[in-house]
Amino acid sequence: LCSVTLRAVDIDAVARTAAAAGLAGIEWGSDVHVHDAGSAAGARSA
């Protein structure tokens, strides 16, 4: 899943949706979800 598909929801919601859909991973966009070190670490953890 590309996280840009769900720009309106937060990182945890993107990860939950991808997992619920049985997907294997996520491409995280740097425009909304991953824009600094904190959000990058959060996206990795989620």
PDB file of all heavy atoms in Angstrom:
ATOM      1  N   LEU A   1       0.845  -1.197   0.000  1.00  0.00           N
ATOM      2  CA  LEU A   1       0.000   0.000   0.000  1.00  0.00           C
ATOM      3  C   LEU A   1       0.874   1.239   0.000  1.00  0.00           C
ATOM      4  O   LEU A   1       1.864   1.315   0.748  1.00  0.00           O
ATOM      5  CB  LEU A   1      -0.891   0.011   1.245  1.00  0.00           C
ATOM      6  CG  LEU A   1      -1.767   1.254   1.457  1.00  0.00           C
ATOM      7  CD1 LEU A   1      -2.857   1.340   0.392  1.00  0.00           C
ATOM      8  CD2 LEU A   1      -2.384   1.240   2.862  1.00  0.00           C
ATOM      9  N   CYS A   2       0.528   2.210  -0.824  1.00  0.00           N
ATOM     10  CA  CYS A   2       1.149   3.540  -0.759  1.00  0.00           C
ATOM     11  C   CYS A   2       0.392   4.366   0.269  1.00  0.00           C
ATOM     12  O   CYS A   2      -0.839   4.500   0.181  1.00  0.00           O
ATOM     13  CB  CYS A   2       1.076   4.237  -2.111  1.00  0.00           C
ATOM     14  SG  CYS A   2       1.957   3.407  -3.433  1.00  0.00           S
ATOM     15  N   SER A   3       1.088   4.942   1.233  1.00  0.00           N
ATOM     16  CA  SER A   3       0.391   5.694   2.279  1.00  0.00           C
ATOM     17  C   SER A   3      -0.330   6.913   1.726  1.00  0.00           C
ATOM     18  O   SER A   3      -1.288   7.405   2.346  1.00  0.00           O
ATOM     19  CB  SER A   3       1.367   6.112   3.387  1.00  0.00           C
ATOM     20  OG  SER A   3       2.205   7.173   2.981  1.00  0.00           O
ATOM     21  N   VAL A   4       0.092   7.406   0.546  1.00  0.00           N
ATOM     22  CA  VAL A   4      -0.594   8.560  -0.033  1.00  0.00           C
ATOM     23  C   VAL A   4      -2.047   8.238  -0.375  1.00  0.00           C
ATOM     24  O   VAL A   4      -2.857   9.153  -0.559  1.00  0.00           O
ATOM     25  CB  VAL A   4       0.124   9.085  -1.299  1.00  0.00           C
ATOM     26  CG1 VAL A   4       1.508   9.598  -0.952  1.00  0.00           C
ATOM     27  CG2 VAL A   4       0.183   8.025  -2.381  1.00  0.00           C
ATOM     28  N   THR A   5      -2.374   6.952  -0.452  1.00  0.00           N
ATOM     29  CA  THR A   5      -3.759   6.536  -0.687  1.00  0.00           C
ATOM     30  C   THR A   5      -4.653   6.974   0.459  1.00  0.00           C
ATOM     31  O   THR A   5      -5.854   7.191   0.266  1.00  0.00           O
ATOM     32  CB  THR A   5      -3.809   5.000  -0.822  1.00  0.00           C
ATOM     33  OG1 THR A   5      -2.840   4.591  -1.783  1.00  0.00           O
ATOM     34  CG2 THR A   5      -5.177   4.513  -1.227  1.00  0.00           C
ATOM     35  N   LEU A   6      -4.068   7.103   1.644  1.00  0.00           N
ATOM     36  CA  LEU A   6      -4.837   7.445   2.847  1.00  0.00           C
ATOM     37  C   LEU A   6      -4.239   8.669   3.528  1.00  0.00           C
ATOM     38  O   LEU A   6      -3.913   8.660   4.708  1.00  0.00           O
ATOM     39  CB  LEU A   6      -4.850   6.252   3.814  1.00  0.00           C
ATOM     40  CG  LEU A   6      -5.518   4.975   3.298  1.00  0.00           C
ATOM     41  CD1 LEU A   6      -5.308   3.823   4.285  1.00  0.00           C
ATOM     42  CD2 LEU A   6      -7.006   5.199   3.052  1.00  0.00           C
ATOM     43  N   ARG A   7      -4.087   9.743   2.771  1.00  0.00           N
ATOM     44  CA  ARG A   7      -3.470  10.957   3.323  1.00  0.00           C
ATOM     45  C   ARG A   7      -4.264  11.540   4.486  1.00  0.00           C
ATOM     46  O   ARG A   7      -3.708  12.244   5.328  1.00  0.00           O
ATOM     47  CB  ARG A   7      -3.337  12.014   2.226  1.00  0.00           C
ATOM     48  CG  ARG A   7      -2.189  11.785   1.244  1.00  0.00           C
ATOM     49  CD  ARG A   7      -2.025  12.983   0.314  1.00  0.00           C
ATOM     50  NE  ARG A   7      -0.836  12.870  -0.524  1.00  0.00           N
ATOM     51  CZ  ARG A   7      -0.858  12.688  -1.832  1.00  0.00           C
ATOM     52  NH1 ARG A   7      -2.024  12.587  -2.462  1.00  0.00           N
ATOM     53  NH2 ARG A   7       0.261  12.607  -2.513  1.00  0.00           N
ATOM     54  N   ALA A   8      -5.575  11.274   4.526  1.00  0.00           N
ATOM     55  CA  ALA A   8      -6.428  11.917   5.522  1.00  0.00           C
ATOM     56  C   ALA A   8      -6.372  11.233   6.883  1.00  0.00           C
ATOM     57  O   ALA A   8      -6.934  11.753   7.852  1.00  0.00           O
ATOM     58  CB  ALA A   8      -7.877  11.966   5.026  1.00  0.00           C
ATOM     59  N   VAL A   9      -5.715  10.068   6.986  1.00  0.00           N
ATOM     60  CA  VAL A   9      -5.655   9.370   8.271  1.00  0.00           C
ATOM     61  C   VAL A   9      -4.213   9.327   8.757  1.00  0.00           C
ATOM     62  O   VAL A   9      -3.272   9.562   8.003  1.00  0.00           O
ATOM     63  CB  VAL A   9      -6.242   7.948   8.174  1.00  0.00           C
ATOM     64  CG1 VAL A   9      -7.671   7.999   7.635  1.00  0.00           C
ATOM     65  CG2 VAL A   9      -5.385   7.041   7.298  1.00  0.00           C
ATOM     66  N   ASP A  10      -4.052   8.997  10.043  1.00  0.00           N
ATOM     67  CA  ASP A  10      -2.711   9.045  10.619  1.00  0.00           C
ATOM     68  C   ASP A  10      -1.923   7.763  10.352  1.00  0.00           C
ATOM     69  O   ASP A  10      -2.423   6.807   9.749  1.00  0.00           O
ATOM     70  CB  ASP A  10      -2.779   9.363  12.114  1.00  0.00           C
ATOM     71  CG  ASP A  10      -3.480   8.277  12.945  1.00  0.00           C
ATOM     72  OD1 ASP A  10      -3.644   7.136  12.454  1.00  0.00           O
ATOM     73  OD2 ASP A  10      -3.850   8.576  14.099  1.00  0.00           O
ATOM     74  N   ILE A  11      -0.683   7.775  10.804  1.00  0.00           N
ATOM     75  CA  ILE A  11       0.233   6.673  10.548  1.00  0.00           C
ATOM     76  C   ILE A  11      -0.306   5.350  11.065  1.00  0.00           C
ATOM     77  O   ILE A  11      -0.288   4.329  10.365  1.00  0.00           O
ATOM     78  CB  ILE A  11       1.611   6.984  11.170  1.00  0.00           C
ATOM     79  CG1 ILE A  11       2.347   8.040  10.334  1.00  0.00           C
ATOM     80  CG2 ILE A  11       2.452   5.724  11.339  1.00  0.00           C
ATOM     81  CD1 ILE A  11       3.613   8.571  10.975  1.00  0.00           C
ATOM     82  N   ASP A  12      -0.808   5.352  12.297  1.00  0.00           N
ATOM     83  CA  ASP A  12      -1.301   4.104  12.880  1.00  0.00           C
ATOM     84  C   ASP A  12      -2.484   3.555  12.091  1.00  0.00           C
ATOM     85  O   ASP A  12      -2.598   2.337  11.897  1.00  0.00           O
ATOM     86  CB  ASP A  12      -1.700   4.320  14.339  1.00  0.00           C
ATOM     87  CG  ASP A  12      -0.494   4.495  15.264  1.00  0.00           C
ATOM     88  OD1 ASP A  12       0.605   4.031  14.884  1.00  0.00           O
ATOM     89  OD2 ASP A  12      -0.652   5.082  16.343  1.00  0.00           O
ATOM     90  N   ALA A  13      -3.348   4.443  11.618  1.00  0.00           N
ATOM     91  CA  ALA A  13      -4.509   3.997  10.844  1.00  0.00           C
ATOM     92  C   ALA A  13      -4.092   3.418   9.501  1.00  0.00           C
ATOM     93  O   ALA A  13      -4.691   2.447   9.017  1.00  0.00           O
ATOM     94  CB  ALA A  13      -5.491   5.153  10.646  1.00  0.00           C
ATOM     95  N   VAL A  14      -3.066   4.005   8.880  1.00  0.00           N
ATOM     96  CA  VAL A  14      -2.557   3.450   7.628  1.00  0.00           C
ATOM     97  C   VAL A  14      -2.044   2.033   7.860  1.00  0.00           C
ATOM     98  O   VAL A  14      -2.359   1.102   7.108  1.00  0.00           O
ATOM     99  CB  VAL A  14      -1.431   4.328   7.049  1.00  0.00           C
ATOM    100  CG1 VAL A  14      -0.774   3.642   5.849  1.00  0.00           C
ATOM    101  CG2 VAL A  14      -1.976   5.693   6.627  1.00  0.00           C
ATOM    102  N   ALA A  15      -1.247   1.854   8.905  1.00  0.00           N
ATOM    103  CA  ALA A  15      -0.681   0.536   9.194  1.00  0.00           C
ATOM    104  C   ALA A  15      -1.773  -0.470   9.532  1.00  0.00           C
ATOM    105  O   ALA A  15      -1.727  -1.627   9.078  1.00  0.00           O
ATOM    106  CB  ALA A  15       0.325   0.645  10.338  1.00  0.00           C
ATOM    107  N   ARG A  16      -2.773  -0.049  10.307  1.00  0.00           N
ATOM    108  CA  ARG A  16      -3.871  -0.963  10.655  1.00  0.00           C
ATOM    109  C   ARG A  16      -4.642  -1.388   9.419  1.00  0.00           C
ATOM    110  O   ARG A  16      -5.011  -2.563   9.266  1.00  0.00           O
ATOM    111  CB  ARG A  16      -4.820  -0.303  11.655  1.00  0.00           C
ATOM    112  CG  ARG A  16      -4.289  -0.203  13.067  1.00  0.00           C
ATOM    113  CD  ARG A  16      -5.413   0.097  14.053  1.00  0.00           C
ATOM    114  NE  ARG A  16      -6.161   1.297  13.699  1.00  0.00           N
ATOM    115  CZ  ARG A  16      -5.857   2.523  14.119  1.00  0.00           C
ATOM    116  NH1 ARG A  16      -4.781   2.706  14.883  1.00  0.00           N
ATOM    117  NH2 ARG A  16      -6.591   3.559  13.774  1.00  0.00           N
ATOM    118  N   THR A  17      -4.886  -0.440   8.523  1.00  0.00           N
ATOM    119  CA  THR A  17      -5.640  -0.756   7.302  1.00  0.00           C
ATOM    120  C   THR A  17      -4.857  -1.723   6.422  1.00  0.00           C
ATOM    121  O   THR A  17      -5.419  -2.694   5.898  1.00  0.00           O
ATOM    122  CB  THR A  17      -5.957   0.533   6.523  1.00  0.00           C
ATOM    123  OG1 THR A  17      -6.740   1.405   7.342  1.00  0.00           O
ATOM    124  CG2 THR A  17      -6.735   0.220   5.252  1.00  0.00           C
ATOM    125  N   ALA A  18      -3.565  -1.472   6.256  1.00  0.00           N
ATOM    126  CA  ALA A  18      -2.744  -2.362   5.434  1.00  0.00           C
ATOM    127  C   ALA A  18      -2.714  -3.772   6.014  1.00  0.00           C
ATOM    128  O   ALA A  18      -2.801  -4.766   5.274  1.00  0.00           O
ATOM    129  CB  ALA A  18      -1.332  -1.807   5.310  1.00  0.00           C
ATOM    130  N   ALA A  19      -2.607  -3.870   7.337  1.00  0.00           N
ATOM    131  CA  ALA A  19      -2.588  -5.186   7.972  1.00  0.00           C
ATOM    132  C   ALA A  19      -3.947  -5.881   7.831  1.00  0.00           C
ATOM    133  O   ALA A  19      -4.007  -7.085   7.528  1.00  0.00           O
ATOM    134  CB  ALA A  19      -2.208  -5.047   9.442  1.00  0.00           C
ATOM    135  N   ALA A  20      -5.018  -5.137   8.029  1.00  0.00           N
ATOM    136  CA  ALA A  20      -6.353  -5.721   7.908  1.00  0.00           C
ATOM    137  C   ALA A  20      -6.609  -6.203   6.489  1.00  0.00           C
ATOM    138  O   ALA A  20      -7.381  -7.165   6.281  1.00  0.00           O
ATOM    139  CB  ALA A  20      -7.408  -4.698   8.315  1.00  0.00           C
ATOM    140  N   ALA A  21      -5.982  -5.557   5.522  1.00  0.00           N
ATOM    141  CA  ALA A  21      -6.155  -5.936   4.124  1.00  0.00           C
ATOM    142  C   ALA A  21      -5.266  -7.111   3.723  1.00  0.00           C
ATOM    143  O   ALA A  21      -5.325  -7.562   2.577  1.00  0.00           O
ATOM    144  CB  ALA A  21      -5.857  -4.734   3.226  1.00  0.00           C
ATOM    145  N   GLY A  22      -4.433  -7.584   4.641  1.00  0.00           N
ATOM    146  CA  GLY A  22      -3.551  -8.704   4.343  1.00  0.00           C
ATOM    147  C   GLY A  22      -2.392  -8.348   3.442  1.00  0.00           C
ATOM    148  O   GLY A  22      -1.834  -9.216   2.758  1.00  0.00           O
ATOM    149  N   LEU A  23      -2.010  -7.070   3.442  1.00  0.00           N
ATOM    150  CA  LEU A  23      -0.906  -6.634   2.599  1.00  0.00           C
ATOM    151  C   LEU A  23       0.427  -6.898   3.291  1.00  0.00           C
ATOM    152  O   LEU A  23       0.482  -7.157   4.492  1.00  0.00           O
ATOM    153  CB  LEU A  23      -1.067  -5.152   2.257  1.00  0.00           C
ATOM    154  CG  LEU A  23      -2.360  -4.832   1.481  1.00  0.00           C
ATOM    155  CD1 LEU A  23      -2.549  -3.326   1.351  1.00  0.00           C
ATOM    156  CD2 LEU A  23      -2.356  -5.506   0.118  1.00  0.00           C
ATOM    157  N   ALA A  24       1.493  -6.835   2.518  1.00  0.00           N
ATOM    158  CA  ALA A  24       2.805  -7.207   3.054  1.00  0.00           C
ATOM    159  C   ALA A  24       3.612  -6.022   3.542  1.00  0.00           C
ATOM    160  O   ALA A  24       4.542  -6.187   4.339  1.00  0.00           O
ATOM    161  CB  ALA A  24       3.606  -7.962   1.989  1.00  0.00           C
ATOM    162  N   GLY A  25       3.298  -4.822   3.056  1.00  0.00           N
ATOM    163  CA  GLY A  25       4.105  -3.679   3.444  1.00  0.00           C
ATOM    164  C   GLY A  25       3.542  -2.369   2.950  1.00  0.00           C
ATOM    165  O   GLY A  25       2.468  -2.319   2.336  1.00  0.00           O
ATOM    166  N   ILE A  26       4.296  -1.293   3.224  1.00  0.00           N
ATOM    167  CA  ILE A  26       3.831   0.070   2.942  1.00  0.00           C
ATOM    168  C   ILE A  26       4.964   0.883   2.330  1.00  0.00           C
ATOM    169  O   ILE A  26       6.110   0.820   2.782  1.00  0.00           O
ATOM    170  CB  ILE A  26       3.360   0.771   4.233  1.00  0.00           C
ATOM    171  CG1 ILE A  26       2.217  -0.013   4.887  1.00  0.00           C
ATOM    172  CG2 ILE A  26       2.919   2.217   3.938  1.00  0.00           C
ATOM    173  CD1 ILE A  26       1.848   0.496   6.279  1.00  0.00           C
ATOM    174  N   GLU A  27       4.625   1.648   1.292  1.00  0.00           N
ATOM    175  CA  GLU A  27       5.494   2.734   0.836  1.00  0.00           C
ATOM    176  C   GLU A  27       5.002   4.000   1.522  1.00  0.00           C
ATOM    177  O   GLU A  27       3.868   4.431   1.297  1.00  0.00           O
ATOM    178  CB  GLU A  27       5.416   2.904  -0.681  1.00  0.00           C
ATOM    179  CG  GLU A  27       6.211   4.125  -1.154  1.00  0.00           C
ATOM    180  CD  GLU A  27       6.177   4.315  -2.663  1.00  0.00           C
ATOM    181  OE1 GLU A  27       7.053   3.769  -3.337  1.00  0.00           O
ATOM    182  OE2 GLU A  27       5.245   4.999  -3.153  1.00  0.00           O
ATOM    183  N   TRP A  28       5.849   4.589   2.337  1.00  0.00           N
ATOM    184  CA  TRP A  28       5.455   5.766   3.106  1.00  0.00           C
ATOM    185  C   TRP A  28       5.797   7.039   2.343  1.00  0.00           C
ATOM    186  O   TRP A  28       6.948   7.254   1.964  1.00  0.00           O
ATOM    187  CB  TRP A  28       6.148   5.775   4.464  1.00  0.00           C
ATOM    188  CG  TRP A  28       5.601   4.732   5.400  1.00  0.00           C
ATOM    189  CD1 TRP A  28       6.147   3.508   5.676  1.00  0.00           C
ATOM    190  CD2 TRP A  28       4.390   4.825   6.163  1.00  0.00           C
ATOM    191  NE1 TRP A  28       5.351   2.830   6.577  1.00  0.00           N
ATOM    192  CE2 TRP A  28       4.270   3.608   6.893  1.00  0.00           C
ATOM    193  CE3 TRP A  28       3.403   5.800   6.300  1.00  0.00           C
ATOM    194  CZ2 TRP A  28       3.196   3.361   7.752  1.00  0.00           C
ATOM    195  CZ3 TRP A  28       2.333   5.551   7.154  1.00  0.00           C
ATOM    196  CH2 TRP A  28       2.230   4.344   7.872  1.00  0.00           C
ATOM    197  N   GLY A  29       4.796   7.887   2.117  1.00  0.00           N
ATOM    198  CA  GLY A  29       4.997   9.145   1.420  1.00  0.00           C
ATOM    199  C   GLY A  29       5.614  10.187   2.335  1.00  0.00           C
ATOM    200  O   GLY A  29       5.302  10.246   3.529  1.00  0.00           O
ATOM    201  N   SER A  30       6.480  11.022   1.762  1.00  0.00           N
ATOM    202  CA  SER A  30       7.174  12.031   2.563  1.00  0.00           C
ATOM    203  C   SER A  30       6.430  13.365   2.599  1.00  0.00           C
ATOM    204  O   SER A  30       6.922  14.330   3.181  1.00  0.00           O
ATOM    205  CB  SER A  30       8.592  12.255   2.025  1.00  0.00           C
ATOM    206  OG  SER A  30       8.559  12.844   0.734  1.00  0.00           O
ATOM    207  N   ASP A  31       5.240  13.415   1.984  1.00  0.00           N
ATOM    208  CA  ASP A  31       4.514  14.690   1.971  1.00  0.00           C
ATOM    209  C   ASP A  31       3.666  14.882   3.215  1.00  0.00           C
ATOM    210  O   ASP A  31       3.603  15.980   3.767  1.00  0.00           O
ATOM    211  CB  ASP A  31       3.651  14.803   0.712  1.00  0.00           C
ATOM    212  CG  ASP A  31       2.653  13.664   0.568  1.00  0.00           C
ATOM    213  OD1 ASP A  31       2.855  12.596   1.197  1.00  0.00           O
ATOM    214  OD2 ASP A  31       1.667  13.830  -0.174  1.00  0.00           O
ATOM    215  N   VAL A  32       3.012  13.812   3.687  1.00  0.00           N
ATOM    216  CA  VAL A  32       2.106  13.923   4.820  1.00  0.00           C
ATOM    217  C   VAL A  32       2.576  13.083   6.006  1.00  0.00           C
ATOM    218  O   VAL A  32       2.735  13.590   7.118  1.00  0.00           O
ATOM    219  CB  VAL A  32       0.665  13.509   4.412  1.00  0.00           C
ATOM    220  CG1 VAL A  32      -0.242  13.439   5.636  1.00  0.00           C
ATOM    221  CG2 VAL A  32       0.093  14.488   3.393  1.00  0.00           C
ATOM    222  N   HIS A  33       2.804  11.805   5.765  1.00  0.00           N
ATOM    223  CA  HIS A  33       3.041  10.893   6.881  1.00  0.00           C
ATOM    224  C   HIS A  33       4.475  10.900   7.401  1.00  0.00           C
ATOM    225  O   HIS A  33       4.691  10.859   8.618  1.00  0.00           O
ATOM    226  CB  HIS A  33       2.635   9.470   6.479  1.00  0.00           C
ATOM    227  CG  HIS A  33       1.170   9.303   6.263  1.00  0.00           C
ATOM    228  ND1 HIS A  33       0.618   9.096   5.021  1.00  0.00           N
ATOM    229  CD2 HIS A  33       0.129   9.350   7.136  1.00  0.00           C
ATOM    230  CE1 HIS A  33      -0.703   8.994   5.133  1.00  0.00           C
ATOM    231  NE2 HIS A  33      -1.016   9.153   6.397  1.00  0.00           N
ATOM    232  N   VAL A  34       5.450  10.923   6.524  1.00  0.00           N
ATOM    233  CA  VAL A  34       6.853  10.833   6.946  1.00  0.00           C
ATOM    234  C   VAL A  34       7.583  12.074   6.456  1.00  0.00           C
ATOM    235  O   VAL A  34       8.039  12.144   5.317  1.00  0.00           O
ATOM    236  CB  VAL A  34       7.511   9.552   6.395  1.00  0.00           C
ATOM    237  CG1 VAL A  34       8.999   9.528   6.723  1.00  0.00           C
ATOM    238  CG2 VAL A  34       6.831   8.319   6.968  1.00  0.00           C
ATOM    239  N   HIS A  35       7.679  13.070   7.329  1.00  0.00           N
ATOM    240  CA  HIS A  35       8.238  14.361   6.935  1.00  0.00           C
ATOM    241  C   HIS A  35       9.368  14.827   7.840  1.00  0.00           C
ATOM    242  O   HIS A  35      10.007  15.843   7.564  1.00  0.00           O
ATOM    243  CB  HIS A  35       7.142  15.427   6.912  1.00  0.00           C
ATOM    244  CG  HIS A  35       6.275  15.408   8.145  1.00  0.00           C
ATOM    245  ND1 HIS A  35       6.672  15.981   9.325  1.00  0.00           N
ATOM    246  CD2 HIS A  35       5.060  14.843   8.368  1.00  0.00           C
ATOM    247  CE1 HIS A  35       5.728  15.796  10.242  1.00  0.00           C
ATOM    248  NE2 HIS A  35       4.741  15.110   9.698  1.00  0.00           N
ATOM    249  N   ASP A  36       9.627  14.097   8.937  1.00  0.00           N
ATOM    250  CA  ASP A  36      10.739  14.430   9.814  1.00  0.00           C
ATOM    251  C   ASP A  36      11.164  13.156  10.540  1.00  0.00           C
ATOM    252  O   ASP A  36      10.560  12.086  10.369  1.00  0.00           O
ATOM    253  CB  ASP A  36      10.382  15.546  10.803  1.00  0.00           C
ATOM    254  CG  ASP A  36       9.168  15.220  11.675  1.00  0.00           C
ATOM    255  OD1 ASP A  36       8.819  14.024  11.824  1.00  0.00           O
ATOM    256  OD2 ASP A  36       8.567  16.160  12.217  1.00  0.00           O
ATOM    257  N   ALA A  37      12.207  13.263  11.355  1.00  0.00           N
ATOM    258  CA  ALA A  37      12.750  12.073  12.008  1.00  0.00           C
ATOM    259  C   ALA A  37      11.731  11.395  12.913  1.00  0.00           C
ATOM    260  O   ALA A  37      11.647  10.155  12.961  1.00  0.00           O
ATOM    261  CB  ALA A  37      14.004  12.450  12.802  1.00  0.00           C
ATOM    262  N   GLY A  38      10.948  12.198  13.630  1.00  0.00           N
ATOM    263  CA  GLY A  38       9.957  11.631  14.541  1.00  0.00           C
ATOM    264  C   GLY A  38       8.887  10.832  13.822  1.00  0.00           C
ATOM    265  O   GLY A  38       8.528   9.719  14.246  1.00  0.00           O
ATOM    266  N   SER A  39       8.367  11.397  12.722  1.00  0.00           N
ATOM    267  CA  SER A  39       7.329  10.681  11.984  1.00  0.00           C
ATOM    268  C   SER A  39       7.900   9.456  11.278  1.00  0.00           C
ATOM    269  O   SER A  39       7.221   8.425  11.141  1.00  0.00           O
ATOM    270  CB  SER A  39       6.633  11.611  10.982  1.00  0.00           C
ATOM    271  OG  SER A  39       7.563  12.186  10.083  1.00  0.00           O
ATOM    272  N   ALA A  40       9.161   9.536  10.838  1.00  0.00           N
ATOM    273  CA  ALA A  40       9.796   8.382  10.205  1.00  0.00           C
ATOM    274  C   ALA A  40       9.945   7.237  11.208  1.00  0.00           C
ATOM    275  O   ALA A  40       9.647   6.069  10.899  1.00  0.00           O
ATOM    276  CB  ALA A  40      11.153   8.766   9.634  1.00  0.00           C
ATOM    277  N   ALA A  41      10.390   7.568  12.414  1.00  0.00           N
ATOM    278  CA  ALA A  41      10.521   6.545  13.452  1.00  0.00           C
ATOM    279  C   ALA A  41       9.156   5.975  13.820  1.00  0.00           C
ATOM    280  O   ALA A  41       9.018   4.760  14.035  1.00  0.00           O
ATOM    281  CB  ALA A  41      11.204   7.136  14.682  1.00  0.00           C
ATOM    282  N   GLY A  42       8.143   6.841  13.873  1.00  0.00           N
ATOM    283  CA  GLY A  42       6.796   6.379  14.197  1.00  0.00           C
ATOM    284  C   GLY A  42       6.232   5.458  13.130  1.00  0.00           C
ATOM    285  O   GLY A  42       5.585   4.451  13.436  1.00  0.00           O
ATOM    286  N   ALA A  43       6.480   5.801  11.873  1.00  0.00           N
ATOM    287  CA  ALA A  43       5.987   4.966  10.777  1.00  0.00           C
ATOM    288  C   ALA A  43       6.694   3.611  10.768  1.00  0.00           C
ATOM    289  O   ALA A  43       6.066   2.570  10.536  1.00  0.00           O
ATOM    290  CB  ALA A  43       6.192   5.670   9.443  1.00  0.00           C
ATOM    291  N   ARG A  44       7.993   3.629  11.030  1.00  0.00           N
ATOM    292  CA  ARG A  44       8.735   2.370  11.089  1.00  0.00           C
ATOM    293  C   ARG A  44       8.193   1.482  12.205  1.00  0.00           C
ATOM    294  O   ARG A  44       7.945   0.279  12.013  1.00  0.00           O
ATOM    295  CB  ARG A  44      10.219   2.647  11.310  1.00  0.00           C
ATOM    296  CG  ARG A  44      11.079   1.386  11.387  1.00  0.00           C
ATOM    297  CD  ARG A  44      12.544   1.738  11.549  1.00  0.00           C
ATOM    298  NE  ARG A  44      13.404   0.568  11.420  1.00  0.00           N
ATOM    299  CZ  ARG A  44      14.723   0.603  11.354  1.00  0.00           C
ATOM    300  NH1 ARG A  44      15.343   1.779  11.398  1.00  0.00           N
ATOM    301  NH2 ARG A  44      15.426  -0.498  11.252  1.00  0.00           N
ATOM    302  N   SER A  45       7.972   2.073  13.374  1.00  0.00           N
ATOM    303  CA  SER A  45       7.472   1.314  14.517  1.00  0.00           C
ATOM    304  C   SER A  45       6.072   0.756  14.245  1.00  0.00           C
ATOM    305  O   SER A  45       5.800  -0.413  14.523  1.00  0.00           O
ATOM    306  CB  SER A  45       7.456   2.212  15.758  1.00  0.00           C
ATOM    307  OG  SER A  45       6.904   1.540  16.868  1.00  0.00           O
ATOM    308  N   ALA A  46       5.200   1.582  13.682  1.00  0.00           N
ATOM    309  CA  ALA A  46       3.837   1.141  13.400  1.00  0.00           C
ATOM    310  C   ALA A  46       3.813   0.036  12.349  1.00  0.00           C
ATOM    311  O   ALA A  46       3.017  -0.914  12.437  1.00  0.00           O
ATOM    312  CB  ALA A  46       2.992   2.328  12.937  1.00  0.00           C
TER     313      ALA A  46
END
